[in-house]
Amino acid sequence: MAAPKKPVKNTNRWSTRQLVTMALMCAVSALFSFVQIPLIPGLPFLTYDPSLMPAMVCGFAFGPGAGFAVGAMAAVIHGLVLGEWVGTLMNIIATLCFVVPAALIYRRFHTFKGAVSGLALGSLLAIAGSIAANLTIGVAFWYGSLDAILPMVVPALLPFNLVKTILNSVLTMVVYKAVSNLITPKKNQVKGRPSPKQA
């Protein structure tokens, strides 16, 4: 008589529902990456896209690893479509600096204040990381020399990245508030949320 089979234990970090949600968010993020909105007059290569917002929503819902995976995969998809790996690498760095710190803080302080604090820290690190990436990777493969990029740091790169992170943060707060209880695990859902009339 054969021994009874032991039940197979799910060792995946994320549930099937979470993986499906992450895949959907990755697709949305990849689509958003092709929305290019110029922010600095005279510098058309500095364009904003909301692709980091879905990654941050996943980071808030499922943790920093999920947020980074969504953002990084979307950046890779964008790079494969355009055949442009330098921008892909810089977008992955931006995802790492913006999404991971914010999601870590929100996981530790699961409140509105924690979300705002996380987004503020993520924004500061993303600005610093993006400027550092332009001064290193950008110089090596795009600009050719520091002399070509240094004059643009304060008047262009700094305000551009500041506006970009603010837009991503605001979009994240709006979207996450709207969908949080639909996509997050039950144990992390917000209980007893008051109606607009009660708030």
C-alpha atoms as a PDB file:
ATOM      1  CA  MET A   1       0.000   0.000   0.000  1.00  0.00           C
ATOM      2  CA  ALA A   2       1.466   3.292  -1.083  1.00  0.00           C
ATOM      3  CA  ALA A   3       2.173   5.870   1.574  1.00  0.00           C
ATOM      4  CA  PRO A   4      -0.208   8.847   1.520  1.00  0.00           C
ATOM      5  CA  LYS A   5       1.173  11.791  -0.361  1.00  0.00           C
ATOM      6  CA  LYS A   6       2.109  14.788   1.679  1.00  0.00           C
ATOM      7  CA  PRO A   7       0.306  17.990   0.729  1.00  0.00           C
ATOM      8  CA  VAL A   8       2.425  20.210  -1.454  1.00  0.00           C
ATOM      9  CA  LYS A   9       3.395  23.353   0.407  1.00  0.00           C
ATOM     10  CA  ASN A  10       3.365  26.612  -1.513  1.00  0.00           C
ATOM     11  CA  THR A  11       6.843  28.053  -1.069  1.00  0.00           C
ATOM     12  CA  ASN A  12       6.278  31.048  -3.315  1.00  0.00           C
ATOM     13  CA  ARG A  13       6.756  34.414  -1.667  1.00  0.00           C
ATOM     14  CA  TRP A  14       3.701  35.786  -3.467  1.00  0.00           C
ATOM     15  CA  SER A  15       0.305  34.167  -3.921  1.00  0.00           C
ATOM     16  CA  THR A  16      -1.176  33.463  -7.330  1.00  0.00           C
ATOM     17  CA  ARG A  17      -3.448  36.488  -6.977  1.00  0.00           C
ATOM     18  CA  GLN A  18      -0.497  38.707  -6.122  1.00  0.00           C
ATOM     19  CA  LEU A  19       1.514  37.400  -9.084  1.00  0.00           C
ATOM     20  CA  VAL A  20      -1.408  38.049 -11.442  1.00  0.00           C
ATOM     21  CA  THR A  21      -1.798  41.557 -10.046  1.00  0.00           C
ATOM     22  CA  MET A  22       1.932  42.184 -10.405  1.00  0.00           C
ATOM     23  CA  ALA A  23       1.856  40.968 -14.019  1.00  0.00           C
ATOM     24  CA  LEU A  24      -1.056  43.312 -14.753  1.00  0.00           C
ATOM     25  CA  MET A  25       0.727  46.229 -13.089  1.00  0.00           C
ATOM     26  CA  CYS A  26       3.881  45.405 -15.035  1.00  0.00           C
ATOM     27  CA  ALA A  27       1.925  45.566 -18.294  1.00  0.00           C
ATOM     28  CA  VAL A  28       0.371  48.902 -17.271  1.00  0.00           C
ATOM     29  CA  SER A  29       3.793  50.223 -16.248  1.00  0.00           C
ATOM     30  CA  ALA A  30       5.315  49.158 -19.568  1.00  0.00           C
ATOM     31  CA  LEU A  31       2.519  50.924 -21.471  1.00  0.00           C
ATOM     32  CA  PHE A  32       2.914  54.058 -19.360  1.00  0.00           C
ATOM     33  CA  SER A  33       6.639  54.094 -20.140  1.00  0.00           C
ATOM     34  CA  PHE A  34       5.799  55.043 -23.727  1.00  0.00           C
ATOM     35  CA  VAL A  35       3.897  58.141 -22.571  1.00  0.00           C
ATOM     36  CA  GLN A  36       6.537  60.814 -22.993  1.00  0.00           C
ATOM     37  CA  ILE A  37       5.672  64.284 -21.683  1.00  0.00           C
ATOM     38  CA  PRO A  38       8.386  66.977 -22.022  1.00  0.00           C
ATOM     39  CA  LEU A  39       8.812  69.010 -18.836  1.00  0.00           C
ATOM     40  CA  ILE A  40      11.803  71.255 -19.546  1.00  0.00           C
ATOM     41  CA  PRO A  41      11.508  73.628 -22.556  1.00  0.00           C
ATOM     42  CA  GLY A  42      14.400  73.205 -24.950  1.00  0.00           C
ATOM     43  CA  LEU A  43      15.377  69.796 -23.567  1.00  0.00           C
ATOM     44  CA  PRO A  44      13.036  67.304 -25.280  1.00  0.00           C
ATOM     45  CA  PHE A  45      14.986  64.289 -23.988  1.00  0.00           C
ATOM     46  CA  LEU A  46      13.870  65.072 -20.423  1.00  0.00           C
ATOM     47  CA  THR A  47      10.384  63.598 -20.580  1.00  0.00           C
ATOM     48  CA  TYR A  48       8.047  62.398 -17.846  1.00  0.00           C
ATOM     49  CA  ASP A  49       6.175  59.124 -17.884  1.00  0.00           C
ATOM     50  CA  PRO A  50       4.042  57.649 -15.061  1.00  0.00           C
ATOM     51  CA  SER A  51       5.547  54.156 -15.319  1.00  0.00           C
ATOM     52  CA  LEU A  52       6.869  54.148 -11.733  1.00  0.00           C
ATOM     53  CA  MET A  53       3.404  54.650 -10.275  1.00  0.00           C
ATOM     54  CA  PRO A  54       2.199  51.045 -10.821  1.00  0.00           C
ATOM     55  CA  ALA A  55       5.509  49.781  -9.414  1.00  0.00           C
ATOM     56  CA  MET A  56       5.071  51.911  -6.291  1.00  0.00           C
ATOM     57  CA  VAL A  57       1.475  50.736  -5.863  1.00  0.00           C
ATOM     58  CA  CYS A  58       2.730  47.149  -5.941  1.00  0.00           C
ATOM     59  CA  GLY A  59       5.498  48.076  -3.531  1.00  0.00           C
ATOM     60  CA  PHE A  60       2.968  49.443  -1.065  1.00  0.00           C
ATOM     61  CA  ALA A  61       0.647  46.475  -1.522  1.00  0.00           C
ATOM     62  CA  PHE A  62       3.079  43.542  -1.630  1.00  0.00           C
ATOM     63  CA  GLY A  63       6.422  44.855  -0.417  1.00  0.00           C
ATOM     64  CA  PRO A  64       9.599  46.407  -1.863  1.00  0.00           C
ATOM     65  CA  GLY A  65      10.608  43.266  -3.756  1.00  0.00           C
ATOM     66  CA  ALA A  66       7.342  43.206  -5.680  1.00  0.00           C
ATOM     67  CA  GLY A  67       7.539  46.916  -6.459  1.00  0.00           C
ATOM     68  CA  PHE A  68      11.089  46.650  -7.719  1.00  0.00           C
ATOM     69  CA  ALA A  69      10.274  43.551  -9.802  1.00  0.00           C
ATOM     70  CA  VAL A  70       7.371  45.332 -11.521  1.00  0.00           C
ATOM     71  CA  GLY A  71       9.365  48.492 -12.218  1.00  0.00           C
ATOM     72  CA  ALA A  72      12.466  46.656 -13.402  1.00  0.00           C
ATOM     73  CA  MET A  73      10.528  44.319 -15.701  1.00  0.00           C
ATOM     74  CA  ALA A  74       8.629  47.245 -17.223  1.00  0.00           C
ATOM     75  CA  ALA A  75      11.950  49.024 -17.857  1.00  0.00           C
ATOM     76  CA  VAL A  76      13.364  45.908 -19.518  1.00  0.00           C
ATOM     77  CA  ILE A  77      10.272  45.561 -21.742  1.00  0.00           C
ATOM     78  CA  HIS A  78      10.567  49.207 -22.748  1.00  0.00           C
ATOM     79  CA  GLY A  79      14.264  48.749 -23.508  1.00  0.00           C
ATOM     80  CA  LEU A  80      13.663  45.621 -25.573  1.00  0.00           C
ATOM     81  CA  VAL A  81      10.992  47.343 -27.667  1.00  0.00           C
ATOM     82  CA  LEU A  82      13.190  50.355 -28.370  1.00  0.00           C
ATOM     83  CA  GLY A  83      16.515  48.497 -28.390  1.00  0.00           C
ATOM     84  CA  GLU A  84      17.897  50.978 -25.863  1.00  0.00           C
ATOM     85  CA  TRP A  85      19.663  49.422 -22.871  1.00  0.00           C
ATOM     86  CA  VAL A  86      21.293  52.540 -21.382  1.00  0.00           C
ATOM     87  CA  GLY A  87      17.930  54.120 -20.613  1.00  0.00           C
ATOM     88  CA  THR A  88      16.759  50.760 -19.276  1.00  0.00           C
ATOM     89  CA  LEU A  89      19.618  50.643 -16.804  1.00  0.00           C
ATOM     90  CA  MET A  90      18.958  54.198 -15.662  1.00  0.00           C
ATOM     91  CA  ASN A  91      15.249  53.442 -15.212  1.00  0.00           C
ATOM     92  CA  ILE A  92      16.092  50.389 -13.109  1.00  0.00           C
ATOM     93  CA  ILE A  93      18.299  52.579 -10.910  1.00  0.00           C
ATOM     94  CA  ALA A  94      15.446  55.079 -10.558  1.00  0.00           C
ATOM     95  CA  THR A  95      13.092  52.245  -9.585  1.00  0.00           C
ATOM     96  CA  LEU A  96      15.538  50.959  -6.991  1.00  0.00           C
ATOM     97  CA  CYS A  97      16.029  54.401  -5.442  1.00  0.00           C
ATOM     98  CA  PHE A  98      12.378  55.471  -5.516  1.00  0.00           C
ATOM     99  CA  VAL A  99      10.258  52.366  -4.936  1.00  0.00           C
ATOM    100  CA  VAL A 100      12.317  50.242  -2.559  1.00  0.00           C
ATOM    101  CA  PRO A 101      12.950  52.813   0.237  1.00  0.00           C
ATOM    102  CA  ALA A 102       9.354  54.059   0.139  1.00  0.00           C
ATOM    103  CA  ALA A 103       7.921  50.537   0.266  1.00  0.00           C
ATOM    104  CA  LEU A 104      10.258  49.565   3.105  1.00  0.00           C
ATOM    105  CA  ILE A 105       9.128  52.505   5.232  1.00  0.00           C
ATOM    106  CA  TYR A 106       5.453  51.901   4.421  1.00  0.00           C
ATOM    107  CA  ARG A 107       5.803  48.235   5.374  1.00  0.00           C
ATOM    108  CA  ARG A 108       7.230  49.311   8.736  1.00  0.00           C
ATOM    109  CA  PHE A 109       4.778  52.189   9.300  1.00  0.00           C
ATOM    110  CA  HIS A 110       1.531  51.124   7.624  1.00  0.00           C
ATOM    111  CA  THR A 111      -0.165  54.515   7.911  1.00  0.00           C
ATOM    112  CA  PHE A 112      -0.817  57.596   5.796  1.00  0.00           C
ATOM    113  CA  LYS A 113       2.096  59.307   7.507  1.00  0.00           C
ATOM    114  CA  GLY A 114       4.289  56.304   6.758  1.00  0.00           C
ATOM    115  CA  ALA A 115       3.302  56.426   3.094  1.00  0.00           C
ATOM    116  CA  VAL A 116       4.076  60.148   2.830  1.00  0.00           C
ATOM    117  CA  SER A 117       7.377  59.720   4.674  1.00  0.00           C
ATOM    118  CA  GLY A 118       8.348  56.808   2.446  1.00  0.00           C
ATOM    119  CA  LEU A 119       7.505  58.696  -0.716  1.00  0.00           C
ATOM    120  CA  ALA A 120       9.448  61.734   0.500  1.00  0.00           C
ATOM    121  CA  LEU A 121      12.559  59.645   1.190  1.00  0.00           C
ATOM    122  CA  GLY A 122      12.152  57.736  -2.061  1.00  0.00           C
ATOM    123  CA  SER A 123      11.858  61.011  -3.955  1.00  0.00           C
ATOM    124  CA  LEU A 124      15.059  62.405  -2.445  1.00  0.00           C
ATOM    125  CA  LEU A 125      16.976  59.203  -3.171  1.00  0.00           C
ATOM    126  CA  ALA A 126      15.538  58.991  -6.686  1.00  0.00           C
ATOM    127  CA  ILE A 127      16.633  62.558  -7.444  1.00  0.00           C
ATOM    128  CA  ALA A 128      20.129  61.859  -6.157  1.00  0.00           C
ATOM    129  CA  GLY A 129      20.290  58.496  -7.939  1.00  0.00           C
ATOM    130  CA  SER A 130      19.075  59.890 -11.257  1.00  0.00           C
ATOM    131  CA  ILE A 131      21.585  62.747 -11.203  1.00  0.00           C
ATOM    132  CA  ALA A 132      24.381  60.334 -10.248  1.00  0.00           C
ATOM    133  CA  ALA A 133      23.337  57.995 -13.087  1.00  0.00           C
ATOM    134  CA  ASN A 134      23.428  60.870 -15.580  1.00  0.00           C
ATOM    135  CA  LEU A 135      26.880  61.901 -14.377  1.00  0.00           C
ATOM    136  CA  THR A 136      28.236  58.350 -14.717  1.00  0.00           C
ATOM    137  CA  ILE A 137      26.256  56.142 -17.094  1.00  0.00           C
ATOM    138  CA  GLY A 138      24.966  59.105 -19.057  1.00  0.00           C
ATOM    139  CA  VAL A 139      28.431  60.566 -19.507  1.00  0.00           C
ATOM    140  CA  ALA A 140      29.869  57.201 -20.527  1.00  0.00           C
ATOM    141  CA  PHE A 141      27.240  56.400 -23.174  1.00  0.00           C
ATOM    142  CA  TRP A 142      25.272  59.551 -24.045  1.00  0.00           C
ATOM    143  CA  TYR A 143      26.901  62.879 -23.328  1.00  0.00           C
ATOM    144  CA  GLY A 144      30.544  61.997 -23.906  1.00  0.00           C
ATOM    145  CA  SER A 145      31.967  64.264 -21.204  1.00  0.00           C
ATOM    146  CA  LEU A 146      31.081  65.849 -17.874  1.00  0.00           C
ATOM    147  CA  ASP A 147      31.326  69.284 -19.472  1.00  0.00           C
ATOM    148  CA  ALA A 148      28.228  68.455 -21.520  1.00  0.00           C
ATOM    149  CA  ILE A 149      26.037  67.559 -18.533  1.00  0.00           C
ATOM    150  CA  LEU A 150      27.349  69.495 -15.515  1.00  0.00           C
ATOM    151  CA  PRO A 151      25.858  72.851 -16.640  1.00  0.00           C
ATOM    152  CA  MET A 152      22.421  71.169 -16.823  1.00  0.00           C
ATOM    153  CA  VAL A 153      22.392  69.642 -13.331  1.00  0.00           C
ATOM    154  CA  VAL A 154      20.921  72.596 -11.402  1.00  0.00           C
ATOM    155  CA  PRO A 155      18.770  74.334 -14.053  1.00  0.00           C
ATOM    156  CA  ALA A 156      17.439  71.151 -15.718  1.00  0.00           C
ATOM    157  CA  LEU A 157      18.105  67.761 -14.106  1.00  0.00           C
ATOM    158  CA  LEU A 158      17.307  68.819 -10.540  1.00  0.00           C
ATOM    159  CA  PRO A 159      13.919  70.484 -11.235  1.00  0.00           C
ATOM    160  CA  PHE A 160      12.991  67.799 -13.755  1.00  0.00           C
ATOM    161  CA  ASN A 161      13.547  64.951 -11.322  1.00  0.00           C
ATOM    162  CA  LEU A 162      11.877  66.902  -8.512  1.00  0.00           C
ATOM    163  CA  VAL A 163       8.708  67.410 -10.568  1.00  0.00           C
ATOM    164  CA  LYS A 164       8.858  63.808 -11.788  1.00  0.00           C
ATOM    165  CA  THR A 165       9.019  62.323  -8.292  1.00  0.00           C
ATOM    166  CA  ILE A 166       6.293  64.647  -6.996  1.00  0.00           C
ATOM    167  CA  LEU A 167       3.963  63.610  -9.833  1.00  0.00           C
ATOM    168  CA  ASN A 168       4.700  59.922  -9.237  1.00  0.00           C
ATOM    169  CA  SER A 169       4.117  60.331  -5.499  1.00  0.00           C
ATOM    170  CA  VAL A 170       0.783  62.111  -5.933  1.00  0.00           C
ATOM    171  CA  LEU A 171      -0.414  59.566  -8.492  1.00  0.00           C
ATOM    172  CA  THR A 172       0.622  56.732  -6.185  1.00  0.00           C
ATOM    173  CA  MET A 173      -1.332  58.138  -3.247  1.00  0.00           C
ATOM    174  CA  VAL A 174      -4.462  58.652  -5.357  1.00  0.00           C
ATOM    175  CA  VAL A 175      -4.369  55.261  -7.090  1.00  0.00           C
ATOM    176  CA  TYR A 176      -3.292  53.226  -4.065  1.00  0.00           C
ATOM    177  CA  LYS A 177      -6.057  54.702  -1.924  1.00  0.00           C
ATOM    178  CA  ALA A 178      -8.578  53.751  -4.601  1.00  0.00           C
ATOM    179  CA  VAL A 179      -7.411  50.160  -5.170  1.00  0.00           C
ATOM    180  CA  SER A 180      -5.633  49.157  -1.955  1.00  0.00           C
ATOM    181  CA  ASN A 181      -8.405  46.974  -0.539  1.00  0.00           C
ATOM    182  CA  LEU A 182      -8.891  45.294  -3.915  1.00  0.00           C
ATOM    183  CA  ILE A 183      -5.307  44.166  -4.425  1.00  0.00           C
ATOM    184  CA  THR A 184      -3.726  43.820  -0.986  1.00  0.00           C
ATOM    185  CA  PRO A 185      -3.891  40.594   1.068  1.00  0.00           C
ATOM    186  CA  LYS A 186      -6.803  40.543   3.532  1.00  0.00           C
ATOM    187  CA  LYS A 187      -4.487  40.759   6.529  1.00  0.00           C
ATOM    188  CA  ASN A 188      -3.131  44.083   5.269  1.00  0.00           C
ATOM    189  CA  GLN A 189      -6.418  45.643   4.199  1.00  0.00           C
ATOM    190  CA  VAL A 190      -7.656  48.794   5.830  1.00  0.00           C
ATOM    191  CA  LYS A 191     -10.525  47.927   8.156  1.00  0.00           C
ATOM    192  CA  GLY A 192     -13.445  50.144   8.949  1.00  0.00           C
ATOM    193  CA  ARG A 193     -12.609  52.871   6.450  1.00  0.00           C
ATOM    194  CA  PRO A 194     -15.157  55.659   6.987  1.00  0.00           C
ATOM    195  CA  SER A 195     -17.413  56.719   4.178  1.00  0.00           C
ATOM    196  CA  PRO A 196     -16.907  60.184   2.663  1.00  0.00           C
ATOM    197  CA  LYS A 197     -19.868  61.453   4.716  1.00  0.00           C
ATOM    198  CA  GLN A 198     -18.297  60.181   7.930  1.00  0.00           C
ATOM    199  CA  ALA A 199     -14.781  61.433   7.189  1.00  0.00           C
END
